């Protein structure tokens, strides 16, 4: 599922009060660090599927000549949307989908984040909780 004109807020149970840049662990990129780098450094360039596919390739260091077939295979099974991303669950980022479904990140303590919350023209969804209530 990909959203349009939607803002995913940080999860209710996130402990982040300001945005945290995810770091690699054991000198290997994490899903959060890959997603962060792709979206933050390329705002409104990639769709959710683009980011998920590129994250998969980078995380597992896949090299193949047939990326189209690999992409089709990966998306043959449903994938979680960015409401379940560690960026919104743990690191204090909001994710905005523009009218084309392309993504950008906004820090929880930033003015732009607050503007999205106040904008009645944008659908707002909460990031998924890390723990049950």
N, C-alpha and C. Protein backbone atom coordinates (compact mmCIF):
# COMPACT_ATOMS: atom_id res chain seq x y z
N UNK A 1 0.85 -1.18 0.00
CA UNK A 1 0.00 0.00 0.00
C UNK A 1 0.89 1.24 0.00
N UNK A 2 0.55 2.18 -0.83
CA UNK A 2 1.27 3.45 -0.84
C UNK A 2 0.26 4.57 -0.68
N UNK A 3 0.63 5.56 0.11
CA UNK A 3 -0.27 6.66 0.39
C UNK A 3 0.01 7.84 -0.53
N UNK A 4 -0.95 8.73 -0.61
CA UNK A 4 -0.80 10.00 -1.33
C UNK A 4 -1.33 11.11 -0.45
N UNK A 5 -0.63 12.24 -0.45
CA UNK A 5 -1.03 13.40 0.33
C UNK A 5 -1.34 13.01 1.79
N UNK A 6 -0.39 12.28 2.37
CA UNK A 6 -0.56 11.73 3.72
C UNK A 6 0.70 11.99 4.54
N UNK A 7 0.48 12.21 5.85
CA UNK A 7 1.61 12.40 6.76
C UNK A 7 1.55 11.34 7.84
N UNK A 8 2.62 10.55 7.96
CA UNK A 8 2.73 9.53 8.99
C UNK A 8 3.47 10.18 10.16
N UNK A 9 2.81 10.25 11.31
CA UNK A 9 3.43 10.87 12.48
C UNK A 9 4.25 9.84 13.25
N UNK A 10 5.11 10.34 14.11
CA UNK A 10 5.87 9.45 14.98
C UNK A 10 4.88 8.65 15.83
N UNK A 11 5.24 7.44 16.17
CA UNK A 11 4.37 6.56 16.97
C UNK A 11 4.10 7.17 18.34
N UNK A 12 2.90 6.89 18.86
CA UNK A 12 2.52 7.41 20.18
C UNK A 12 3.49 6.96 21.27
N UNK A 13 4.00 5.76 21.14
CA UNK A 13 4.87 5.24 22.20
C UNK A 13 6.36 5.44 21.91
N UNK A 14 6.67 6.25 20.90
CA UNK A 14 8.07 6.57 20.63
C UNK A 14 8.60 7.43 21.77
N UNK A 15 9.79 7.15 22.20
CA UNK A 15 10.39 7.92 23.28
C UNK A 15 11.19 9.11 22.74
N UNK A 16 11.30 9.23 21.44
CA UNK A 16 12.08 10.31 20.83
C UNK A 16 11.34 11.64 20.97
N UNK A 17 12.00 12.63 21.52
CA UNK A 17 11.44 13.97 21.61
C UNK A 17 12.05 14.89 20.56
N UNK A 18 13.12 14.42 19.95
CA UNK A 18 13.71 15.10 18.80
C UNK A 18 14.18 14.00 17.85
N UNK A 19 14.36 14.37 16.60
CA UNK A 19 14.73 13.38 15.60
C UNK A 19 16.15 12.87 15.83
N UNK A 20 16.32 11.58 15.65
CA UNK A 20 17.60 10.92 15.82
C UNK A 20 18.00 10.33 14.47
N UNK A 21 19.23 10.54 14.07
CA UNK A 21 19.72 9.96 12.82
C UNK A 21 20.16 8.52 13.11
N UNK A 22 19.52 7.54 12.47
CA UNK A 22 19.88 6.14 12.72
C UNK A 22 21.31 5.85 12.25
N UNK A 23 22.03 5.11 13.04
CA UNK A 23 23.42 4.78 12.73
C UNK A 23 23.55 3.29 12.37
N UNK A 24 24.54 2.97 11.53
CA UNK A 24 24.82 1.56 11.27
C UNK A 24 25.20 0.85 12.57
N UNK A 25 25.00 -0.44 12.60
CA UNK A 25 25.34 -1.25 13.76
C UNK A 25 26.40 -2.26 13.35
N UNK A 26 27.45 -2.36 14.14
CA UNK A 26 28.56 -3.26 13.82
C UNK A 26 29.11 -3.00 12.41
N UNK A 27 29.18 -1.73 12.07
CA UNK A 27 29.70 -1.27 10.78
C UNK A 27 28.88 -1.76 9.59
N UNK A 28 27.64 -2.19 9.84
CA UNK A 28 26.74 -2.61 8.77
C UNK A 28 25.50 -1.73 8.83
N UNK A 29 24.99 -1.32 7.67
CA UNK A 29 23.80 -0.48 7.69
C UNK A 29 22.59 -1.24 8.22
N UNK A 30 21.74 -0.52 8.95
CA UNK A 30 20.49 -1.10 9.43
C UNK A 30 19.38 -0.67 8.46
N UNK A 31 18.25 -1.29 8.59
CA UNK A 31 17.11 -0.89 7.75
C UNK A 31 16.81 0.58 7.97
N UNK A 32 16.81 1.01 9.24
CA UNK A 32 16.52 2.42 9.55
C UNK A 32 17.56 3.35 8.92
N UNK A 33 18.83 3.00 9.00
CA UNK A 33 19.86 3.89 8.44
C UNK A 33 19.78 3.95 6.92
N UNK A 34 19.45 2.85 6.30
CA UNK A 34 19.31 2.84 4.84
C UNK A 34 18.09 3.66 4.42
N UNK A 35 16.95 3.43 5.08
CA UNK A 35 15.74 4.20 4.76
C UNK A 35 15.99 5.69 4.97
N UNK A 36 16.61 6.03 6.09
CA UNK A 36 16.90 7.42 6.38
C UNK A 36 17.73 8.05 5.26
N UNK A 37 18.83 7.41 4.89
CA UNK A 37 19.70 7.97 3.87
C UNK A 37 19.00 8.12 2.52
N UNK A 38 18.22 7.14 2.15
CA UNK A 38 17.51 7.21 0.87
C UNK A 38 16.49 8.35 0.85
N UNK A 39 15.71 8.46 1.90
CA UNK A 39 14.63 9.45 1.91
C UNK A 39 15.15 10.85 2.24
N UNK A 40 15.98 10.98 3.26
CA UNK A 40 16.43 12.30 3.71
C UNK A 40 17.28 13.00 2.65
N UNK A 41 18.13 12.24 1.97
CA UNK A 41 19.02 12.85 0.99
C UNK A 41 18.42 12.95 -0.41
N UNK A 42 17.20 12.43 -0.58
CA UNK A 42 16.50 12.47 -1.87
C UNK A 42 15.03 12.76 -1.65
N UNK A 43 14.69 13.90 -1.02
CA UNK A 43 13.28 14.15 -0.72
C UNK A 43 12.40 14.18 -1.97
N UNK A 44 11.26 13.53 -1.84
CA UNK A 44 10.26 13.47 -2.91
C UNK A 44 10.82 12.91 -4.22
N UNK A 45 11.76 11.97 -4.09
CA UNK A 45 12.33 11.31 -5.26
C UNK A 45 11.81 9.89 -5.40
N UNK A 46 11.67 9.21 -4.26
CA UNK A 46 11.31 7.79 -4.27
C UNK A 46 9.93 7.55 -3.68
N UNK A 47 9.27 6.51 -4.21
CA UNK A 47 8.02 6.03 -3.63
C UNK A 47 8.36 5.03 -2.52
N UNK A 48 7.35 4.64 -1.79
CA UNK A 48 7.54 3.64 -0.74
C UNK A 48 8.16 2.36 -1.31
N UNK A 49 7.62 1.88 -2.42
CA UNK A 49 8.15 0.66 -3.04
C UNK A 49 9.61 0.83 -3.46
N UNK A 50 9.95 2.00 -4.01
CA UNK A 50 11.34 2.26 -4.40
C UNK A 50 12.27 2.15 -3.20
N UNK A 51 11.88 2.77 -2.09
CA UNK A 51 12.72 2.76 -0.89
C UNK A 51 12.83 1.35 -0.33
N UNK A 52 11.72 0.63 -0.27
CA UNK A 52 11.76 -0.73 0.26
C UNK A 52 12.64 -1.63 -0.62
N UNK A 53 12.55 -1.48 -1.92
CA UNK A 53 13.36 -2.30 -2.83
C UNK A 53 14.85 -1.96 -2.69
N UNK A 54 15.18 -0.67 -2.71
CA UNK A 54 16.57 -0.26 -2.58
C UNK A 54 17.14 -0.65 -1.22
N UNK A 55 16.32 -0.58 -0.19
CA UNK A 55 16.75 -0.98 1.15
C UNK A 55 17.08 -2.46 1.17
N UNK A 56 16.24 -3.27 0.56
CA UNK A 56 16.46 -4.71 0.50
C UNK A 56 17.78 -5.02 -0.22
N UNK A 57 18.00 -4.39 -1.35
CA UNK A 57 19.22 -4.62 -2.13
C UNK A 57 20.47 -4.23 -1.33
N UNK A 58 20.41 -3.08 -0.69
CA UNK A 58 21.57 -2.62 0.07
C UNK A 58 21.79 -3.45 1.32
N UNK A 59 20.75 -3.75 2.05
CA UNK A 59 20.86 -4.51 3.30
C UNK A 59 21.49 -5.88 3.04
N UNK A 60 21.06 -6.54 2.00
CA UNK A 60 21.53 -7.89 1.71
C UNK A 60 22.61 -7.93 0.64
N UNK A 61 23.11 -6.76 0.25
CA UNK A 61 24.21 -6.61 -0.72
C UNK A 61 24.00 -7.48 -1.96
N UNK A 62 22.85 -7.30 -2.55
CA UNK A 62 22.48 -8.10 -3.71
C UNK A 62 23.02 -7.45 -4.98
N UNK A 63 23.61 -8.28 -5.81
CA UNK A 63 24.05 -7.82 -7.13
C UNK A 63 23.45 -8.79 -8.15
N UNK A 64 22.71 -8.24 -9.04
CA UNK A 64 22.08 -9.05 -10.09
C UNK A 64 21.86 -8.17 -11.31
N UNK A 65 21.81 -8.80 -12.45
CA UNK A 65 21.54 -8.07 -13.68
C UNK A 65 20.04 -7.94 -13.93
N UNK A 66 19.26 -8.74 -13.23
CA UNK A 66 17.82 -8.76 -13.48
C UNK A 66 17.06 -8.16 -12.30
N UNK A 67 17.20 -6.85 -12.13
CA UNK A 67 16.54 -6.18 -11.01
C UNK A 67 15.02 -6.19 -11.15
N UNK A 68 14.53 -6.12 -12.37
CA UNK A 68 13.08 -6.10 -12.58
C UNK A 68 12.45 -7.39 -12.06
N UNK A 69 13.06 -8.53 -12.34
CA UNK A 69 12.53 -9.81 -11.86
C UNK A 69 12.63 -9.91 -10.35
N UNK A 70 13.74 -9.43 -9.79
CA UNK A 70 13.91 -9.45 -8.34
C UNK A 70 12.86 -8.57 -7.68
N UNK A 71 12.63 -7.40 -8.23
CA UNK A 71 11.61 -6.49 -7.67
C UNK A 71 10.24 -7.14 -7.70
N UNK A 72 9.92 -7.77 -8.81
CA UNK A 72 8.62 -8.45 -8.94
C UNK A 72 8.50 -9.56 -7.89
N UNK A 73 9.57 -10.31 -7.69
CA UNK A 73 9.56 -11.39 -6.70
C UNK A 73 9.38 -10.84 -5.28
N UNK A 74 10.09 -9.77 -4.95
CA UNK A 74 10.01 -9.18 -3.62
C UNK A 74 8.60 -8.67 -3.33
N UNK A 75 7.99 -8.03 -4.30
CA UNK A 75 6.66 -7.45 -4.08
C UNK A 75 5.52 -8.41 -4.42
N UNK A 76 5.84 -9.67 -4.65
CA UNK A 76 4.78 -10.66 -4.87
C UNK A 76 4.09 -10.98 -3.54
N UNK A 77 4.77 -10.65 -2.43
CA UNK A 77 4.18 -10.81 -1.10
C UNK A 77 3.95 -9.42 -0.52
N UNK A 78 2.88 -9.23 0.24
CA UNK A 78 2.60 -7.90 0.81
C UNK A 78 3.73 -7.43 1.74
N UNK A 79 3.97 -6.14 1.72
CA UNK A 79 4.98 -5.51 2.58
C UNK A 79 4.29 -4.51 3.50
N UNK A 80 4.86 -4.34 4.69
CA UNK A 80 4.33 -3.36 5.63
C UNK A 80 4.59 -1.96 5.09
N UNK A 81 3.70 -1.04 5.38
CA UNK A 81 3.89 0.35 4.95
C UNK A 81 4.82 1.04 5.94
N UNK A 82 5.13 2.29 5.67
CA UNK A 82 6.07 3.02 6.52
C UNK A 82 5.48 3.43 7.87
N UNK A 83 4.24 3.10 8.14
CA UNK A 83 3.71 3.29 9.50
C UNK A 83 4.45 2.36 10.46
N UNK A 84 5.05 1.29 9.92
CA UNK A 84 5.79 0.33 10.74
C UNK A 84 7.30 0.56 10.68
N UNK A 85 7.73 1.60 10.03
CA UNK A 85 9.16 1.88 9.90
C UNK A 85 9.78 2.25 11.25
N UNK A 86 11.00 1.82 11.48
CA UNK A 86 11.68 2.24 12.71
C UNK A 86 11.88 3.76 12.76
N UNK A 87 11.84 4.43 11.63
CA UNK A 87 12.00 5.88 11.62
C UNK A 87 10.88 6.56 12.40
N UNK A 88 9.66 6.05 12.29
CA UNK A 88 8.54 6.65 13.03
C UNK A 88 8.34 5.98 14.39
N UNK A 89 8.75 4.74 14.51
CA UNK A 89 8.55 4.02 15.77
C UNK A 89 9.59 4.36 16.82
N UNK A 90 10.81 4.63 16.40
CA UNK A 90 11.90 4.76 17.36
C UNK A 90 12.70 6.06 17.23
N UNK A 91 12.83 6.58 16.02
CA UNK A 91 13.79 7.65 15.78
C UNK A 91 13.22 9.07 15.70
N UNK A 92 11.91 9.24 15.84
CA UNK A 92 11.33 10.58 15.90
C UNK A 92 11.18 11.31 14.57
N UNK A 93 10.88 10.59 13.52
CA UNK A 93 10.68 11.20 12.20
C UNK A 93 9.23 11.03 11.77
N UNK A 94 8.73 12.01 11.03
CA UNK A 94 7.45 11.91 10.35
C UNK A 94 7.75 11.71 8.87
N UNK A 95 6.88 11.01 8.18
CA UNK A 95 7.07 10.75 6.75
C UNK A 95 5.90 11.34 6.00
N UNK A 96 6.21 12.20 5.04
CA UNK A 96 5.18 12.80 4.19
C UNK A 96 5.19 12.17 2.81
N UNK A 97 4.00 11.77 2.37
CA UNK A 97 3.80 11.28 1.01
C UNK A 97 3.15 12.43 0.24
N UNK A 98 3.75 12.85 -0.87
CA UNK A 98 3.15 13.92 -1.65
C UNK A 98 2.03 13.36 -2.53
N UNK A 99 1.49 14.21 -3.41
CA UNK A 99 0.36 13.78 -4.26
C UNK A 99 0.75 12.70 -5.26
N UNK A 100 2.06 12.49 -5.46
CA UNK A 100 2.54 11.42 -6.35
C UNK A 100 2.94 10.17 -5.57
N UNK A 101 2.84 10.22 -4.24
CA UNK A 101 3.24 9.08 -3.42
C UNK A 101 4.73 9.03 -3.13
N UNK A 102 5.43 10.13 -3.39
CA UNK A 102 6.87 10.18 -3.11
C UNK A 102 7.10 10.73 -1.71
N UNK A 103 8.22 10.32 -1.10
CA UNK A 103 8.44 10.51 0.33
C UNK A 103 9.47 11.58 0.69
N UNK A 104 9.25 12.17 1.87
CA UNK A 104 10.24 13.05 2.49
C UNK A 104 10.12 12.88 4.00
N UNK A 105 11.23 13.14 4.71
CA UNK A 105 11.27 13.01 6.17
C UNK A 105 11.23 14.37 6.84
N UNK A 106 10.56 14.41 8.00
CA UNK A 106 10.48 15.64 8.80
C UNK A 106 10.68 15.30 10.26
N UNK A 107 11.57 16.05 10.92
CA UNK A 107 11.88 15.78 12.32
C UNK A 107 10.73 16.20 13.22
N UNK A 108 10.49 15.39 14.25
CA UNK A 108 9.35 15.57 15.16
C UNK A 108 9.36 16.95 15.82
N UNK A 109 10.51 17.52 16.03
CA UNK A 109 10.60 18.80 16.72
C UNK A 109 10.76 19.98 15.76
N UNK A 110 10.47 19.75 14.48
CA UNK A 110 10.63 20.81 13.49
C UNK A 110 9.34 21.55 13.17
N UNK A 111 9.48 22.74 12.61
CA UNK A 111 8.31 23.55 12.23
C UNK A 111 7.49 22.90 11.13
N UNK A 112 8.16 22.27 10.17
CA UNK A 112 7.43 21.64 9.06
C UNK A 112 6.56 20.49 9.57
N UNK A 113 7.06 19.72 10.53
CA UNK A 113 6.30 18.63 11.13
C UNK A 113 5.01 19.18 11.72
N UNK A 114 5.14 20.26 12.47
CA UNK A 114 3.98 20.89 13.10
C UNK A 114 3.00 21.41 12.04
N UNK A 115 3.53 21.95 10.95
CA UNK A 115 2.67 22.45 9.87
C UNK A 115 1.84 21.33 9.26
N UNK A 116 2.45 20.16 9.09
CA UNK A 116 1.70 19.03 8.56
C UNK A 116 0.58 18.63 9.51
N UNK A 117 0.85 18.67 10.80
CA UNK A 117 -0.18 18.32 11.79
C UNK A 117 -1.36 19.28 11.73
N UNK A 118 -1.09 20.54 11.44
CA UNK A 118 -2.13 21.56 11.42
C UNK A 118 -2.85 21.65 10.07
N UNK A 119 -2.28 21.06 9.03
CA UNK A 119 -2.84 21.14 7.69
C UNK A 119 -4.03 20.20 7.54
N UNK A 120 -5.21 20.77 7.36
CA UNK A 120 -6.42 19.96 7.25
C UNK A 120 -6.58 19.31 5.88
N UNK A 121 -5.75 19.67 4.92
CA UNK A 121 -5.84 19.11 3.57
C UNK A 121 -5.06 17.79 3.45
N UNK A 122 -4.33 17.43 4.49
CA UNK A 122 -3.48 16.25 4.45
C UNK A 122 -4.04 15.19 5.40
N UNK A 123 -4.07 13.95 4.94
CA UNK A 123 -4.46 12.84 5.80
C UNK A 123 -3.32 12.57 6.77
N UNK A 124 -3.65 12.39 8.03
CA UNK A 124 -2.64 12.10 9.05
C UNK A 124 -2.90 10.72 9.64
N UNK A 125 -1.84 9.93 9.69
CA UNK A 125 -1.91 8.59 10.28
C UNK A 125 -0.79 8.46 11.30
N UNK A 126 -1.06 7.79 12.39
CA UNK A 126 -0.04 7.58 13.41
C UNK A 126 0.85 6.41 13.01
N UNK A 127 2.13 6.54 13.32
CA UNK A 127 3.03 5.40 13.17
C UNK A 127 2.56 4.29 14.10
N UNK A 128 2.83 3.07 13.73
CA UNK A 128 2.40 1.95 14.55
C UNK A 128 3.17 1.90 15.87
N UNK A 129 2.49 1.48 16.89
CA UNK A 129 3.11 1.36 18.21
C UNK A 129 4.12 0.23 18.21
N UNK A 130 5.12 0.35 19.05
CA UNK A 130 6.11 -0.72 19.21
C UNK A 130 5.58 -1.82 20.13
N UNK A 131 4.73 -1.41 21.07
CA UNK A 131 4.19 -2.35 22.05
C UNK A 131 2.68 -2.20 22.11
N UNK A 132 2.03 -3.26 22.47
CA UNK A 132 0.57 -3.19 22.65
C UNK A 132 0.25 -2.34 23.86
N UNK A 133 -0.95 -1.78 23.84
CA UNK A 133 -1.40 -0.98 25.00
C UNK A 133 -1.66 -1.85 26.18
